[in-house]
C-alpha atoms as a PDB file:
ATOM      1  CA  UNK A   1       0.062  -0.365   0.001  1.00  0.00           C
ATOM      2  CA  UNK A   2       1.323   3.400  -0.875  1.00  0.00           C
ATOM      3  CA  UNK A   3      -0.027   6.769   0.060  1.00  0.00           C
ATOM      4  CA  UNK A   4       1.120   9.723  -2.337  1.00  0.00           C
ATOM      5  CA  UNK A   5       0.407  13.183  -0.899  1.00  0.00           C
ATOM      6  CA  UNK A   6       0.385  16.200  -2.987  1.00  0.00           C
ATOM      7  CA  UNK A   7      -0.181  19.995  -2.263  1.00  0.00           C
ATOM      8  CA  UNK A   8       1.027  21.779   0.490  1.00  0.00           C
ATOM      9  CA  UNK A   9       3.147  24.968   0.321  1.00  0.00           C
ATOM     10  CA  UNK A  10       2.984  28.383   1.670  1.00  0.00           C
ATOM     11  CA  UNK A  11      -0.032  30.728   2.107  1.00  0.00           C
ATOM     12  CA  UNK A  12      -0.827  33.630   4.038  1.00  0.00           C
ATOM     13  CA  UNK A  13      -3.070  33.734   7.237  1.00  0.00           C
ATOM     14  CA  UNK A  14      -6.670  33.762   6.160  1.00  0.00           C
ATOM     15  CA  UNK A  15      -6.072  31.931   2.743  1.00  0.00           C
ATOM     16  CA  UNK A  16      -6.764  28.816   1.455  1.00  0.00           C
ATOM     17  CA  UNK A  17      -5.263  25.595   0.662  1.00  0.00           C
ATOM     18  CA  UNK A  18      -5.801  21.922  -0.569  1.00  0.00           C
ATOM     19  CA  UNK A  19      -4.065  18.687   0.145  1.00  0.00           C
ATOM     20  CA  UNK A  20      -4.580  15.388  -1.782  1.00  0.00           C
ATOM     21  CA  UNK A  21      -3.484  11.943  -1.207  1.00  0.00           C
ATOM     22  CA  UNK A  22      -3.765   9.023  -3.554  1.00  0.00           C
ATOM     23  CA  UNK A  23      -3.941   5.592  -2.376  1.00  0.00           C
ATOM     24  CA  UNK A  24      -2.828   2.362  -4.022  1.00  0.00           C
ATOM     25  CA  UNK A  25      -3.991  -1.286  -2.663  1.00  0.00           C
ATOM     26  CA  UNK A  26      -7.274  -2.362  -0.757  1.00  0.00           C
ATOM     27  CA  UNK A  27      -6.473  -0.133   2.186  1.00  0.00           C
ATOM     28  CA  UNK A  28      -8.249   2.811   0.074  1.00  0.00           C
ATOM     29  CA  UNK A  29     -11.632   0.930   1.026  1.00  0.00           C
ATOM     30  CA  UNK A  30     -11.071   1.787   4.570  1.00  0.00           C
ATOM     31  CA  UNK A  31     -10.732   4.676   6.681  1.00  0.00           C
ATOM     32  CA  UNK A  32      -8.471   7.522   5.625  1.00  0.00           C
ATOM     33  CA  UNK A  33      -7.014  10.203   7.844  1.00  0.00           C
ATOM     34  CA  UNK A  34      -5.029  13.321   7.894  1.00  0.00           C
ATOM     35  CA  UNK A  35      -2.752  13.924  11.011  1.00  0.00           C
ATOM     36  CA  UNK A  36      -0.144  16.942  11.085  1.00  0.00           C
ATOM     37  CA  UNK A  37       2.777  17.847  13.235  1.00  0.00           C
ATOM     38  CA  UNK A  38       4.163  21.272  14.086  1.00  0.00           C
ATOM     39  CA  UNK A  39       7.829  21.771  14.804  1.00  0.00           C
ATOM     40  CA  UNK A  40       8.611  20.468  18.311  1.00  0.00           C
ATOM     41  CA  UNK A  41       5.072  19.103  18.821  1.00  0.00           C
ATOM     42  CA  UNK A  42       3.476  15.667  18.628  1.00  0.00           C
ATOM     43  CA  UNK A  43       1.735  14.250  15.679  1.00  0.00           C
ATOM     44  CA  UNK A  44      -2.246  15.345  15.955  1.00  0.00           C
ATOM     45  CA  UNK A  45      -5.137  14.170  14.428  1.00  0.00           C
ATOM     46  CA  UNK A  46      -6.829  16.587  11.843  1.00  0.00           C
ATOM     47  CA  UNK A  47      -9.656  14.734  10.295  1.00  0.00           C
ATOM     48  CA  UNK A  48     -10.647  11.226   8.859  1.00  0.00           C
ATOM     49  CA  UNK A  49     -13.327   9.985   6.570  1.00  0.00           C
ATOM     50  CA  UNK A  50     -14.839   6.452   6.220  1.00  0.00           C
ATOM     51  CA  UNK A  51     -15.885   4.976   2.728  1.00  0.00           C
ATOM     52  CA  UNK A  52     -19.431   5.814   3.472  1.00  0.00           C
ATOM     53  CA  UNK A  53     -18.501   9.436   3.739  1.00  0.00           C
ATOM     54  CA  UNK A  54     -19.071   9.735   7.024  1.00  0.00           C
ATOM     55  CA  UNK A  55     -16.084  12.190   8.789  1.00  0.00           C
ATOM     56  CA  UNK A  56     -14.603  13.535  12.163  1.00  0.00           C
ATOM     57  CA  UNK A  57     -12.657  16.215  12.809  1.00  0.00           C
ATOM     58  CA  UNK A  58     -10.435  17.774  15.356  1.00  0.00           C
ATOM     59  CA  UNK A  59     -11.902  20.579  17.246  1.00  0.00           C
ATOM     60  CA  UNK A  60      -9.505  23.175  16.229  1.00  0.00           C
ATOM     61  CA  UNK A  61     -10.054  22.796  12.320  1.00  0.00           C
ATOM     62  CA  UNK A  62     -13.755  22.209  12.761  1.00  0.00           C
ATOM     63  CA  UNK A  63     -15.590  24.655  10.323  1.00  0.00           C
ATOM     64  CA  UNK A  64     -12.606  25.436   8.370  1.00  0.00           C
ATOM     65  CA  UNK A  65     -11.241  22.315   7.059  1.00  0.00           C
ATOM     66  CA  UNK A  66     -13.060  19.607   4.715  1.00  0.00           C
ATOM     67  CA  UNK A  67     -12.221  16.135   4.267  1.00  0.00           C
ATOM     68  CA  UNK A  68     -13.592  14.245   1.294  1.00  0.00           C
ATOM     69  CA  UNK A  69     -12.678  11.343  -0.904  1.00  0.00           C
ATOM     70  CA  UNK A  70     -13.223  10.144  -4.375  1.00  0.00           C
ATOM     71  CA  UNK A  71     -13.614   6.345  -4.155  1.00  0.00           C
ATOM     72  CA  UNK A  72     -13.292   5.814  -8.095  1.00  0.00           C
ATOM     73  CA  UNK A  73     -10.045   7.820  -8.071  1.00  0.00           C
ATOM     74  CA  UNK A  74      -8.614   6.484  -4.883  1.00  0.00           C
ATOM     75  CA  UNK A  75      -8.103   9.979  -3.605  1.00  0.00           C
ATOM     76  CA  UNK A  76      -8.712  11.519  -0.358  1.00  0.00           C
ATOM     77  CA  UNK A  77      -8.334  15.455  -0.061  1.00  0.00           C
ATOM     78  CA  UNK A  78      -8.139  18.072   2.642  1.00  0.00           C
ATOM     79  CA  UNK A  79      -9.673  21.506   1.948  1.00  0.00           C
ATOM     80  CA  UNK A  80      -8.197  24.120   4.312  1.00  0.00           C
ATOM     81  CA  UNK A  81      -9.722  27.337   4.735  1.00  0.00           C
ATOM     82  CA  UNK A  82      -9.065  30.402   7.143  1.00  0.00           C
ATOM     83  CA  UNK A  83      -5.771  28.957   7.627  1.00  0.00           C
ATOM     84  CA  UNK A  84      -3.827  30.475  10.793  1.00  0.00           C
ATOM     85  CA  UNK A  85      -0.080  30.442  11.588  1.00  0.00           C
ATOM     86  CA  UNK A  86      -0.907  27.630  14.083  1.00  0.00           C
ATOM     87  CA  UNK A  87      -1.838  25.392  11.259  1.00  0.00           C
ATOM     88  CA  UNK A  88       1.924  25.444   9.939  1.00  0.00           C
ATOM     89  CA  UNK A  89       2.921  21.845  10.188  1.00  0.00           C
ATOM     90  CA  UNK A  90       3.925  18.902   8.071  1.00  0.00           C
ATOM     91  CA  UNK A  91       0.535  17.045   7.168  1.00  0.00           C
ATOM     92  CA  UNK A  92       0.368  13.518   6.756  1.00  0.00           C
ATOM     93  CA  UNK A  93      -2.351  11.043   5.227  1.00  0.00           C
ATOM     94  CA  UNK A  94      -2.722   7.744   6.652  1.00  0.00           C
ATOM     95  CA  UNK A  95      -4.901   4.590   6.224  1.00  0.00           C
ATOM     96  CA  UNK A  96      -6.324   1.864   8.329  1.00  0.00           C
ATOM     97  CA  UNK A  97      -5.484  -1.688   7.129  1.00  0.00           C
ATOM     98  CA  UNK A  98      -8.857  -2.913   8.588  1.00  0.00           C
ATOM     99  CA  UNK A  99     -12.335  -2.091   8.180  1.00  0.00           C
ATOM    100  CA  UNK A 100     -12.543  -0.609  11.518  1.00  0.00           C
ATOM    101  CA  UNK A 101     -14.298   2.941  12.470  1.00  0.00           C
ATOM    102  CA  UNK A 102     -12.980   6.601  12.425  1.00  0.00           C
ATOM    103  CA  UNK A 103     -10.506   6.816  14.850  1.00  0.00           C
ATOM    104  CA  UNK A 104      -8.290   9.920  16.013  1.00  0.00           C
ATOM    105  CA  UNK A 105      -5.727   7.360  17.459  1.00  0.00           C
ATOM    106  CA  UNK A 106      -2.602   7.119  15.567  1.00  0.00           C
ATOM    107  CA  UNK A 107      -2.001   3.659  16.161  1.00  0.00           C
ATOM    108  CA  UNK A 108      -5.251   2.662  14.497  1.00  0.00           C
ATOM    109  CA  UNK A 109      -3.845   3.601  11.244  1.00  0.00           C
ATOM    110  CA  UNK A 110      -0.881   1.306   9.674  1.00  0.00           C
ATOM    111  CA  UNK A 111      -0.085   3.161   6.369  1.00  0.00           C
ATOM    112  CA  UNK A 112       1.182   6.544   6.003  1.00  0.00           C
ATOM    113  CA  UNK A 113       2.320   8.748   3.384  1.00  0.00           C
ATOM    114  CA  UNK A 114       5.151  10.956   3.520  1.00  0.00           C
ATOM    115  CA  UNK A 115       4.531  14.375   4.987  1.00  0.00           C
ATOM    116  CA  UNK A 116       3.883  17.533   3.122  1.00  0.00           C
ATOM    117  CA  UNK A 117       4.727  20.775   4.587  1.00  0.00           C
ATOM    118  CA  UNK A 118       1.967  23.606   4.992  1.00  0.00           C
ATOM    119  CA  UNK A 119       3.500  26.831   5.928  1.00  0.00           C
ATOM    120  CA  UNK A 120       1.170  29.744   6.788  1.00  0.00           C
ATOM    121  CA  UNK A 121       2.546  33.047   7.280  1.00  0.00           C
ATOM    122  CA  UNK A 122       1.285  35.822   9.536  1.00  0.00           C
END
């Protein structure tokens, strides 16, 4: 299973940015998630989405970020709006290897893409 992210970059505070992650293999049928790790901090849950479209968000992105998936294209996306400097982090896409429920726990995800850096300037 491979997860290949795209997107990221530098944006001014208040701006928008989109991330995408293309998955190969059967893991795409399972829950997909986005996590982020800011400099010097632990990796945090951002959002996750089930194949059905059901989703969950961390409280600090609710109302600003939207996770979606295109099952035909094996792609999960994260649309980020009203970005803040504190959103600066390396963002990672992840996939479960089983058909378990949406989870905010890192240990629930077995496959990880390489990170993509998002920098929000003030």
